Amino acid sequence: MRIIEPHIHMYSRTTDDYQAMWEAGIRVIVEPAFWLGQNRRYAGTFYDYFAHILEFETERARKFGIDHYAAIAVNPKECDDLDLANEVIDGIDEYLDHPRCVAVGEIGMNMNTENEIACFRRQLLIAEQRAMPVVIHLPHIPKKEGARIAVDIIKAEGVTQKRIIIDHNTEETMEIGRETDCYLGLTVYPYSKLNPERVSMILREWGTGQVMIAGSADWGVSDPLSLIKVADYLLQDGHDEATINGILHDQPAAFYGVSPNFKPDFDLTPVPVSEYQR
């Protein structure tokens, strides 16, 4: 099976994680821009980070046989300083133009504040103008409210829904997401978000069309091999191989394939560890 990890934050992961992912069959990944653990104070620090995940992280992944792409945006956790967020967005074009950038994201809600909404709307419209895929982040806590806000804005702005993934859904948000033609993302963590059992139940209730599963794997307790564990569980739980392949390959490939920059290479050869240079 050719596996695409559609949302993972390798900035926070180790080389051991890359090795384990390749050995497990993950060959292509997309890394959306995220919060680095503390708020940044200058636009330049955002730009340095964007360059890092577009360039250095792509080369680091390639040495482990993994084809790495990125999505670029101001994450909702840093949108409440709206002046700074707007300054960053004013200079974001060169990073969205980068050949390894395949989407705008992740954008969306954290605590559903007015500044987050303003930042979300501006970046959503930039993506629409550029005909780029969009990765939307739903909040961790006021999740249903955040989903309602995001879907209402998507509808009101008339943006192209099939170029959008609304990510980090749970049982309480699937009905809202299914009001749209957006892709819906399910995130699996060991102790928070979803586990494989809940993913299976959601798929049975809401179907597998335009659904993607991701590990996200950021600073918290998370697992870069979540996709593999979900796939194993789904097979044991009676989902057929074609369905699982659709979720782990076909649907991510179709979503990101809207971007002309997304040309997944499943045949990269890892550099021998003894020859790896930082």
C-alpha atoms as a PDB file:
ATOM      1  CA  MET A   1       0.000   0.000   0.000  1.00  0.00           C
ATOM      2  CA  ARG A   2       1.251   3.508  -0.888  1.00  0.00           C
ATOM      3  CA  ILE A   3       0.603   5.646   2.179  1.00  0.00           C
ATOM      4  CA  ILE A   4       0.303   9.448   2.253  1.00  0.00           C
ATOM      5  CA  GLU A   5       0.370  11.122   5.681  1.00  0.00           C
ATOM      6  CA  PRO A   6      -1.704  14.275   4.966  1.00  0.00           C
ATOM      7  CA  HIS A   7      -1.019  16.234   8.154  1.00  0.00           C
ATOM      8  CA  ILE A   8       2.054  15.806  10.344  1.00  0.00           C
ATOM      9  CA  HIS A   9       4.413  18.246  12.085  1.00  0.00           C
ATOM     10  CA  MET A  10       7.883  16.829  11.498  1.00  0.00           C
ATOM     11  CA  TYR A  11       9.522  20.025  12.813  1.00  0.00           C
ATOM     12  CA  SER A  12       8.872  18.520  16.248  1.00  0.00           C
ATOM     13  CA  ARG A  13       9.975  14.957  15.405  1.00  0.00           C
ATOM     14  CA  THR A  14      13.293  13.099  15.373  1.00  0.00           C
ATOM     15  CA  THR A  15      15.219  11.246  12.698  1.00  0.00           C
ATOM     16  CA  ASP A  16      14.153   7.993  14.397  1.00  0.00           C
ATOM     17  CA  ASP A  17      10.568   8.925  13.551  1.00  0.00           C
ATOM     18  CA  TYR A  18      11.451   9.321   9.879  1.00  0.00           C
ATOM     19  CA  GLN A  19      13.129   5.913   9.884  1.00  0.00           C
ATOM     20  CA  ALA A  20      10.155   4.267  11.566  1.00  0.00           C
ATOM     21  CA  MET A  21       7.690   5.900   9.177  1.00  0.00           C
ATOM     22  CA  TRP A  22       9.586   4.704   6.101  1.00  0.00           C
ATOM     23  CA  GLU A  23       9.901   1.180   7.481  1.00  0.00           C
ATOM     24  CA  ALA A  24       6.129   1.165   8.142  1.00  0.00           C
ATOM     25  CA  GLY A  25       5.344   2.177   4.559  1.00  0.00           C
ATOM     26  CA  ILE A  26       4.730   5.912   4.805  1.00  0.00           C
ATOM     27  CA  ARG A  27       6.344   7.464   1.741  1.00  0.00           C
ATOM     28  CA  VAL A  28       4.750  10.913   1.240  1.00  0.00           C
ATOM     29  CA  ILE A  29       3.838  13.521   3.863  1.00  0.00           C
ATOM     30  CA  VAL A  30       2.416  17.036   4.071  1.00  0.00           C
ATOM     31  CA  GLU A  31       3.476  19.338   6.912  1.00  0.00           C
ATOM     32  CA  PRO A  32       1.149  22.274   7.645  1.00  0.00           C
ATOM     33  CA  ALA A  33       2.514  25.330   9.445  1.00  0.00           C
ATOM     34  CA  PHE A  34       1.775  25.209  13.169  1.00  0.00           C
ATOM     35  CA  TRP A  35       2.424  26.875  16.543  1.00  0.00           C
ATOM     36  CA  LEU A  36       6.002  26.381  17.737  1.00  0.00           C
ATOM     37  CA  GLY A  37       5.201  26.123  21.453  1.00  0.00           C
ATOM     38  CA  GLN A  38       5.359  29.838  22.224  1.00  0.00           C
ATOM     39  CA  ASN A  39       4.076  32.868  20.389  1.00  0.00           C
ATOM     40  CA  ARG A  40       6.447  34.590  17.975  1.00  0.00           C
ATOM     41  CA  ARG A  41       7.055  38.334  18.210  1.00  0.00           C
ATOM     42  CA  TYR A  42       8.329  39.225  14.739  1.00  0.00           C
ATOM     43  CA  ALA A  43       7.215  38.536  11.181  1.00  0.00           C
ATOM     44  CA  GLY A  44      10.733  37.413  10.297  1.00  0.00           C
ATOM     45  CA  THR A  45      10.565  34.471  12.685  1.00  0.00           C
ATOM     46  CA  PHE A  46       7.496  33.206  10.823  1.00  0.00           C
ATOM     47  CA  TYR A  47       9.300  33.550   7.497  1.00  0.00           C
ATOM     48  CA  ASP A  48      12.339  31.661   8.799  1.00  0.00           C
ATOM     49  CA  TYR A  49      10.051  28.864   9.969  1.00  0.00           C
ATOM     50  CA  PHE A  50       8.233  28.740   6.626  1.00  0.00           C
ATOM     51  CA  ALA A  51      11.573  28.412   4.848  1.00  0.00           C
ATOM     52  CA  HIS A  52      12.593  25.664   7.265  1.00  0.00           C
ATOM     53  CA  ILE A  53       9.614  23.399   6.585  1.00  0.00           C
ATOM     54  CA  LEU A  54       9.715  24.097   2.848  1.00  0.00           C
ATOM     55  CA  GLU A  55      13.437  23.509   2.400  1.00  0.00           C
ATOM     56  CA  PHE A  56      15.387  21.981   5.280  1.00  0.00           C
ATOM     57  CA  GLU A  57      12.615  19.608   6.334  1.00  0.00           C
ATOM     58  CA  THR A  58      12.108  18.493   2.733  1.00  0.00           C
ATOM     59  CA  GLU A  59      15.795  17.586   2.470  1.00  0.00           C
ATOM     60  CA  ARG A  60      15.848  15.901   5.877  1.00  0.00           C
ATOM     61  CA  ALA A  61      12.857  13.751   4.916  1.00  0.00           C
ATOM     62  CA  ARG A  62      14.347  12.878   1.537  1.00  0.00           C
ATOM     63  CA  LYS A  63      17.404  11.361   3.220  1.00  0.00           C
ATOM     64  CA  PHE A  64      15.039   8.921   4.909  1.00  0.00           C
ATOM     65  CA  GLY A  65      13.187   8.057   1.694  1.00  0.00           C
ATOM     66  CA  ILE A  66      10.154  10.259   2.327  1.00  0.00           C
ATOM     67  CA  ASP A  67       8.781  12.882  -0.080  1.00  0.00           C
ATOM     68  CA  HIS A  68       7.908  15.948   2.038  1.00  0.00           C
ATOM     69  CA  TYR A  69       5.603  18.860   1.149  1.00  0.00           C
ATOM     70  CA  ALA A  70       4.315  21.774   3.227  1.00  0.00           C
ATOM     71  CA  ALA A  71       1.292  24.001   3.714  1.00  0.00           C
ATOM     72  CA  ILE A  72       1.933  27.603   4.720  1.00  0.00           C
ATOM     73  CA  ALA A  73      -0.195  29.968   6.856  1.00  0.00           C
ATOM     74  CA  VAL A  74      -0.476  31.809  10.152  1.00  0.00           C
ATOM     75  CA  ASN A  75      -1.825  29.208  12.568  1.00  0.00           C
ATOM     76  CA  PRO A  76      -4.934  30.236  14.540  1.00  0.00           C
ATOM     77  CA  LYS A  77      -3.057  30.058  17.871  1.00  0.00           C
ATOM     78  CA  GLU A  78      -1.120  33.154  16.762  1.00  0.00           C
ATOM     79  CA  CYS A  79      -3.934  35.147  15.211  1.00  0.00           C
ATOM     80  CA  ASP A  80      -4.986  37.097  18.288  1.00  0.00           C
ATOM     81  CA  ASP A  81      -2.077  39.486  17.685  1.00  0.00           C
ATOM     82  CA  LEU A  82      -3.892  40.563  14.544  1.00  0.00           C
ATOM     83  CA  ASP A  83      -1.419  43.295  13.602  1.00  0.00           C
ATOM     84  CA  LEU A  84       1.433  40.784  13.581  1.00  0.00           C
ATOM     85  CA  ALA A  85      -0.664  38.162  11.800  1.00  0.00           C
ATOM     86  CA  ASN A  86      -1.580  40.638   9.065  1.00  0.00           C
ATOM     87  CA  GLU A  87       2.055  41.690   8.717  1.00  0.00           C
ATOM     88  CA  VAL A  88       3.037  38.044   8.191  1.00  0.00           C
ATOM     89  CA  ILE A  89       0.229  37.481   5.693  1.00  0.00           C
ATOM     90  CA  ASP A  90       1.277  40.626   3.807  1.00  0.00           C
ATOM     91  CA  GLY A  91       4.597  38.921   3.042  1.00  0.00           C
ATOM     92  CA  ILE A  92       3.415  35.327   2.643  1.00  0.00           C
ATOM     93  CA  ASP A  93       3.190  35.199  -1.159  1.00  0.00           C
ATOM     94  CA  GLU A  94       6.779  34.098  -1.788  1.00  0.00           C
ATOM     95  CA  TYR A  95       6.278  31.098   0.513  1.00  0.00           C
ATOM     96  CA  LEU A  96       2.961  30.154  -1.084  1.00  0.00           C
ATOM     97  CA  ASP A  97       4.785  30.348  -4.439  1.00  0.00           C
ATOM     98  CA  HIS A  98       7.473  27.903  -3.295  1.00  0.00           C
ATOM     99  CA  PRO A  99       7.605  24.654  -5.328  1.00  0.00           C
ATOM    100  CA  ARG A 100       7.204  22.535  -2.172  1.00  0.00           C
ATOM    101  CA  CYS A 101       4.101  24.403  -0.973  1.00  0.00           C
ATOM    102  CA  VAL A 102       0.881  22.532  -1.829  1.00  0.00           C
ATOM    103  CA  ALA A 103      -1.735  24.266   0.344  1.00  0.00           C
ATOM    104  CA  VAL A 104      -2.661  27.171   2.601  1.00  0.00           C
ATOM    105  CA  GLY A 105      -2.794  25.936   6.169  1.00  0.00           C
ATOM    106  CA  GLU A 106      -3.414  25.267   8.749  1.00  0.00           C
ATOM    107  CA  ILE A 107      -5.894  28.098   9.268  1.00  0.00           C
ATOM    108  CA  GLY A 108      -9.037  28.143  11.357  1.00  0.00           C
ATOM    109  CA  MET A 109      -9.992  28.460  15.010  1.00  0.00           C
ATOM    110  CA  ASN A 110      -8.352  27.992  18.382  1.00  0.00           C
ATOM    111  CA  MET A 111     -10.651  29.771  20.855  1.00  0.00           C
ATOM    112  CA  ASN A 112     -13.051  31.166  18.236  1.00  0.00           C
ATOM    113  CA  THR A 113     -12.129  34.809  18.832  1.00  0.00           C
ATOM    114  CA  GLU A 114     -12.927  37.677  16.487  1.00  0.00           C
ATOM    115  CA  ASN A 115      -9.259  38.087  15.568  1.00  0.00           C
ATOM    116  CA  GLU A 116      -8.984  34.374  14.740  1.00  0.00           C
ATOM    117  CA  ILE A 117     -12.062  34.688  12.536  1.00  0.00           C
ATOM    118  CA  ALA A 118     -10.612  37.717  10.732  1.00  0.00           C
ATOM    119  CA  CYS A 119      -7.307  35.911  10.144  1.00  0.00           C
ATOM    120  CA  PHE A 120      -9.108  32.782   8.973  1.00  0.00           C
ATOM    121  CA  ARG A 121     -11.287  34.659   6.520  1.00  0.00           C
ATOM    122  CA  ARG A 122      -8.368  36.577   5.004  1.00  0.00           C
ATOM    123  CA  GLN A 123      -6.262  33.458   4.419  1.00  0.00           C
ATOM    124  CA  LEU A 124      -9.241  31.463   3.153  1.00  0.00           C
ATOM    125  CA  LEU A 125      -9.831  34.101   0.481  1.00  0.00           C
ATOM    126  CA  ILE A 126      -6.137  34.150  -0.466  1.00  0.00           C
ATOM    127  CA  ALA A 127      -6.339  30.402  -1.060  1.00  0.00           C
ATOM    128  CA  GLU A 128      -9.458  30.846  -3.167  1.00  0.00           C
ATOM    129  CA  GLN A 129      -7.803  33.540  -5.286  1.00  0.00           C
ATOM    130  CA  ARG A 130      -4.844  31.219  -5.845  1.00  0.00           C
ATOM    131  CA  ALA A 131      -6.989  28.100  -6.388  1.00  0.00           C
ATOM    132  CA  MET A 132      -4.970  26.338  -3.679  1.00  0.00           C
ATOM    133  CA  PRO A 133      -6.049  23.564  -1.310  1.00  0.00           C
ATOM    134  CA  VAL A 134      -6.818  24.691   2.262  1.00  0.00           C
ATOM    135  CA  VAL A 135      -6.204  22.885   5.578  1.00  0.00           C
ATOM    136  CA  ILE A 136      -8.600  24.075   8.311  1.00  0.00           C
ATOM    137  CA  HIS A 137      -7.871  23.511  11.999  1.00  0.00           C
ATOM    138  CA  LEU A 138     -10.819  22.927  14.333  1.00  0.00           C
ATOM    139  CA  PRO A 139     -10.371  23.910  17.999  1.00  0.00           C
ATOM    140  CA  HIS A 140      -9.379  21.396  20.635  1.00  0.00           C
ATOM    141  CA  ILE A 141     -12.021  22.500  23.165  1.00  0.00           C
ATOM    142  CA  PRO A 142     -14.849  24.677  21.703  1.00  0.00           C
ATOM    143  CA  LYS A 143     -14.781  22.306  18.739  1.00  0.00           C
ATOM    144  CA  LYS A 144     -18.430  22.216  17.687  1.00  0.00           C
ATOM    145  CA  GLU A 145     -18.687  26.014  17.867  1.00  0.00           C
ATOM    146  CA  GLY A 146     -15.488  26.343  15.827  1.00  0.00           C
ATOM    147  CA  ALA A 147     -16.796  23.937  13.192  1.00  0.00           C
ATOM    148  CA  ARG A 148     -20.017  25.934  12.952  1.00  0.00           C
ATOM    149  CA  ILE A 149     -18.101  29.201  12.490  1.00  0.00           C
ATOM    150  CA  ALA A 150     -15.787  27.718   9.839  1.00  0.00           C
ATOM    151  CA  VAL A 151     -18.595  26.115   7.823  1.00  0.00           C
ATOM    152  CA  ASP A 152     -20.731  29.265   7.955  1.00  0.00           C
ATOM    153  CA  ILE A 153     -17.822  31.370   6.643  1.00  0.00           C
ATOM    154  CA  ILE A 154     -17.059  28.818   3.909  1.00  0.00           C
ATOM    155  CA  LYS A 155     -20.676  29.008   2.770  1.00  0.00           C
ATOM    156  CA  ALA A 156     -20.944  32.780   3.049  1.00  0.00           C
ATOM    157  CA  GLU A 157     -17.756  33.414   1.063  1.00  0.00           C
ATOM    158  CA  GLY A 158     -18.687  30.956  -1.674  1.00  0.00           C
ATOM    159  CA  VAL A 159     -15.222  29.398  -1.779  1.00  0.00           C
ATOM    160  CA  THR A 160     -14.537  26.116  -3.578  1.00  0.00           C
ATOM    161  CA  GLN A 161     -15.391  23.487  -0.998  1.00  0.00           C
ATOM    162  CA  LYS A 162     -13.696  20.520  -2.656  1.00  0.00           C
ATOM    163  CA  ARG A 163     -10.346  22.306  -2.254  1.00  0.00           C
ATOM    164  CA  ILE A 164     -10.826  22.412   1.548  1.00  0.00           C
ATOM    165  CA  ILE A 165     -10.194  19.893   4.286  1.00  0.00           C
ATOM    166  CA  ILE A 166     -11.792  20.587   7.660  1.00  0.00           C
ATOM    167  CA  ASP A 167      -9.437  18.747   9.996  1.00  0.00           C
ATOM    168  CA  HIS A 168      -9.521  17.415  13.589  1.00  0.00           C
ATOM    169  CA  ASN A 169     -13.151  16.311  13.493  1.00  0.00           C
ATOM    170  CA  THR A 170     -14.813  14.189  16.147  1.00  0.00           C
ATOM    171  CA  GLU A 171     -18.249  12.620  16.446  1.00  0.00           C
ATOM    172  CA  GLU A 172     -19.781  15.979  17.393  1.00  0.00           C
ATOM    173  CA  THR A 173     -18.579  17.846  14.274  1.00  0.00           C
ATOM    174  CA  MET A 174     -19.099  15.350  11.452  1.00  0.00           C
ATOM    175  CA  GLU A 175     -22.705  16.398  10.870  1.00  0.00           C
ATOM    176  CA  ILE A 176     -21.627  20.035  10.481  1.00  0.00           C
ATOM    177  CA  GLY A 177     -18.803  19.147   8.110  1.00  0.00           C
ATOM    178  CA  ARG A 178     -21.101  16.989   6.002  1.00  0.00           C
ATOM    179  CA  GLU A 179     -23.186  20.077   5.211  1.00  0.00           C
ATOM    180  CA  THR A 180     -20.387  20.905   2.769  1.00  0.00           C
ATOM    181  CA  ASP A 181     -18.451  19.244  -0.038  1.00  0.00           C
ATOM    182  CA  CYS A 182     -15.239  19.707   1.950  1.00  0.00           C
ATOM    183  CA  TYR A 183     -12.936  16.834   2.800  1.00  0.00           C
ATOM    184  CA  LEU A 184     -13.081  15.899   6.491  1.00  0.00           C
ATOM    185  CA  GLY A 185     -10.035  14.967   8.539  1.00  0.00           C
ATOM    186  CA  LEU A 186      -9.810  12.610  11.519  1.00  0.00           C
ATOM    187  CA  THR A 187      -6.768  12.979  13.797  1.00  0.00           C
ATOM    188  CA  VAL A 188      -5.503  10.050  15.882  1.00  0.00           C
ATOM    189  CA  TYR A 189      -3.496  10.514  19.090  1.00  0.00           C
ATOM    190  CA  PRO A 190      -2.699   7.897  21.747  1.00  0.00           C
ATOM    191  CA  TYR A 191      -4.459   9.717  24.633  1.00  0.00           C
ATOM    192  CA  SER A 192      -6.423  12.588  23.112  1.00  0.00           C
ATOM    193  CA  LYS A 193      -8.396  13.318  19.956  1.00  0.00           C
ATOM    194  CA  LEU A 194      -9.464  10.018  18.322  1.00  0.00           C
ATOM    195  CA  ASN A 195      -8.339   6.413  18.662  1.00  0.00           C
ATOM    196  CA  PRO A 196      -8.667   3.716  15.962  1.00  0.00           C
ATOM    197  CA  GLU A 197     -11.911   2.375  17.442  1.00  0.00           C
ATOM    198  CA  ARG A 198     -13.600   5.778  17.294  1.00  0.00           C
ATOM    199  CA  VAL A 199     -12.327   6.321  13.749  1.00  0.00           C
ATOM    200  CA  SER A 200     -13.912   3.040  12.684  1.00  0.00           C
ATOM    201  CA  MET A 201     -17.255   3.965  14.244  1.00  0.00           C
ATOM    202  CA  ILE A 202     -17.224   7.409  12.615  1.00  0.00           C
ATOM    203  CA  LEU A 203     -16.514   5.867   9.209  1.00  0.00           C
ATOM    204  CA  ARG A 204     -19.403   3.435   9.625  1.00  0.00           C
ATOM    205  CA  GLU A 205     -21.815   6.227  10.538  1.00  0.00           C
ATOM    206  CA  TRP A 206     -20.666   8.945   8.123  1.00  0.00           C
ATOM    207  CA  GLY A 207     -19.054   7.020   5.293  1.00  0.00           C
ATOM    208  CA  THR A 208     -15.528   7.108   3.898  1.00  0.00           C
ATOM    209  CA  GLY A 209     -15.993   9.498   0.982  1.00  0.00           C
ATOM    210  CA  GLN A 210     -13.694  12.530   1.097  1.00  0.00           C
ATOM    211  CA  VAL A 211     -12.281  11.479   4.480  1.00  0.00           C
ATOM    212  CA  MET A 212      -8.609  11.561   5.450  1.00  0.00           C
ATOM    213  CA  ILE A 213      -6.864  10.267   8.558  1.00  0.00           C
ATOM    214  CA  ALA A 214      -3.734  11.881  10.010  1.00  0.00           C
ATOM    215  CA  GLY A 215      -1.375  11.466  12.934  1.00  0.00           C
ATOM    216  CA  SER A 216      -0.530  15.190  13.229  1.00  0.00           C
ATOM    217  CA  ALA A 217       2.273  14.174  15.651  1.00  0.00           C
ATOM    218  CA  ASP A 218       3.306  17.471  17.190  1.00  0.00           C
ATOM    219  CA  TRP A 219       4.908  18.463  20.517  1.00  0.00           C
ATOM    220  CA  GLY A 220       2.378  16.576  22.631  1.00  0.00           C
ATOM    221  CA  VAL A 221       1.981  12.864  23.250  1.00  0.00           C
ATOM    222  CA  SER A 222       1.479  11.699  19.685  1.00  0.00           C
ATOM    223  CA  ASP A 223       2.482   8.951  17.298  1.00  0.00           C
ATOM    224  CA  PRO A 224       3.943   9.329  13.774  1.00  0.00           C
ATOM    225  CA  LEU A 225       2.759   5.773  13.059  1.00  0.00           C
ATOM    226  CA  SER A 226      -0.904   6.439  13.868  1.00  0.00           C
ATOM    227  CA  LEU A 227      -1.930   5.810  10.252  1.00  0.00           C
ATOM    228  CA  ILE A 228      -0.481   2.311  10.314  1.00  0.00           C
ATOM    229  CA  LYS A 229      -2.239   1.428  13.563  1.00  0.00           C
ATOM    230  CA  VAL A 230      -5.549   2.761  12.274  1.00  0.00           C
ATOM    231  CA  ALA A 231      -5.178   0.808   9.030  1.00  0.00           C
ATOM    232  CA  ASP A 232      -4.502  -2.420  10.953  1.00  0.00           C
ATOM    233  CA  TYR A 233      -7.503  -1.856  13.188  1.00  0.00           C
ATOM    234  CA  LEU A 234      -9.839  -0.991  10.305  1.00  0.00           C
ATOM    235  CA  LEU A 235      -8.899  -4.208   8.518  1.00  0.00           C
ATOM    236  CA  GLN A 236      -9.545  -6.244  11.675  1.00  0.00           C
ATOM    237  CA  ASP A 237     -12.842  -4.410  12.174  1.00  0.00           C
ATOM    238  CA  GLY A 238     -14.184  -5.459   8.797  1.00  0.00           C
ATOM    239  CA  HIS A 239     -13.341  -2.543   6.500  1.00  0.00           C
ATOM    240  CA  ASP A 240     -12.073  -3.795   3.145  1.00  0.00           C
ATOM    241  CA  GLU A 241      -8.655  -3.081   1.676  1.00  0.00           C
ATOM    242  CA  ALA A 242     -10.050  -0.863  -1.093  1.00  0.00           C
ATOM    243  CA  THR A 243     -11.695   1.395   1.499  1.00  0.00           C
ATOM    244  CA  ILE A 244      -8.512   1.621   3.548  1.00  0.00           C
ATOM    245  CA  ASN A 245      -6.404   2.324   0.466  1.00  0.00           C
ATOM    246  CA  GLY A 246      -8.826   5.088  -0.488  1.00  0.00           C
ATOM    247  CA  ILE A 247      -8.442   6.766   2.880  1.00  0.00           C
ATOM    248  CA  LEU A 248      -4.658   6.380   3.139  1.00  0.00           C
ATOM    249  CA  HIS A 249      -3.744   7.087  -0.485  1.00  0.00           C
ATOM    250  CA  ASP A 250      -6.429   7.893  -3.034  1.00  0.00           C
ATOM    251  CA  GLN A 251      -8.229  10.666  -1.183  1.00  0.00           C
ATOM    252  CA  PRO A 252      -5.109  12.521   0.030  1.00  0.00           C
ATOM    253  CA  ALA A 253      -3.666  12.194  -3.489  1.00  0.00           C
ATOM    254  CA  ALA A 254      -6.833  13.656  -5.017  1.00  0.00           C
ATOM    255  CA  PHE A 255      -7.045  16.497  -2.503  1.00  0.00           C
ATOM    256  CA  TYR A 256      -3.441  17.685  -2.710  1.00  0.00           C
ATOM    257  CA  GLY A 257      -3.283  16.785  -6.397  1.00  0.00           C
ATOM    258  CA  VAL A 258      -5.192  20.002  -7.090  1.00  0.00           C
ATOM    259  CA  SER A 259      -1.824  21.680  -6.528  1.00  0.00           C
ATOM    260  CA  PRO A 260       0.527  21.429  -9.522  1.00  0.00           C
ATOM    261  CA  ASN A 261       3.371  21.213  -6.993  1.00  0.00           C
ATOM    262  CA  PHE A 262       2.156  17.905  -5.589  1.00  0.00           C
ATOM    263  CA  LYS A 263       4.021  15.208  -7.512  1.00  0.00           C
ATOM    264  CA  PRO A 264       4.438  12.409  -4.979  1.00  0.00           C
ATOM    265  CA  ASP A 265       7.492  10.215  -5.360  1.00  0.00           C
ATOM    266  CA  PHE A 266       7.003   6.841  -3.685  1.00  0.00           C
ATOM    267  CA  ASP A 267      10.353   5.475  -4.824  1.00  0.00           C
ATOM    268  CA  LEU A 268      12.916   7.576  -2.985  1.00  0.00           C
ATOM    269  CA  THR A 269      15.863   5.602  -1.647  1.00  0.00           C
ATOM    270  CA  PRO A 270      16.933   6.331   1.946  1.00  0.00           C
ATOM    271  CA  VAL A 271      20.514   7.393   2.538  1.00  0.00           C
ATOM    272  CA  PRO A 272      22.333   4.751   4.636  1.00  0.00           C
ATOM    273  CA  VAL A 273      22.394   5.913   8.249  1.00  0.00           C
ATOM    274  CA  SER A 274      26.190   5.626   8.311  1.00  0.00           C
ATOM    275  CA  GLU A 275      26.360   8.198   5.506  1.00  0.00           C
ATOM    276  CA  TYR A 276      23.723  10.599   6.856  1.00  0.00           C
ATOM    277  CA  GLN A 277      25.008  14.112   7.339  1.00  0.00           C
ATOM    278  CA  ARG A 278      23.116  16.823   9.188  1.00  0.00           C
END
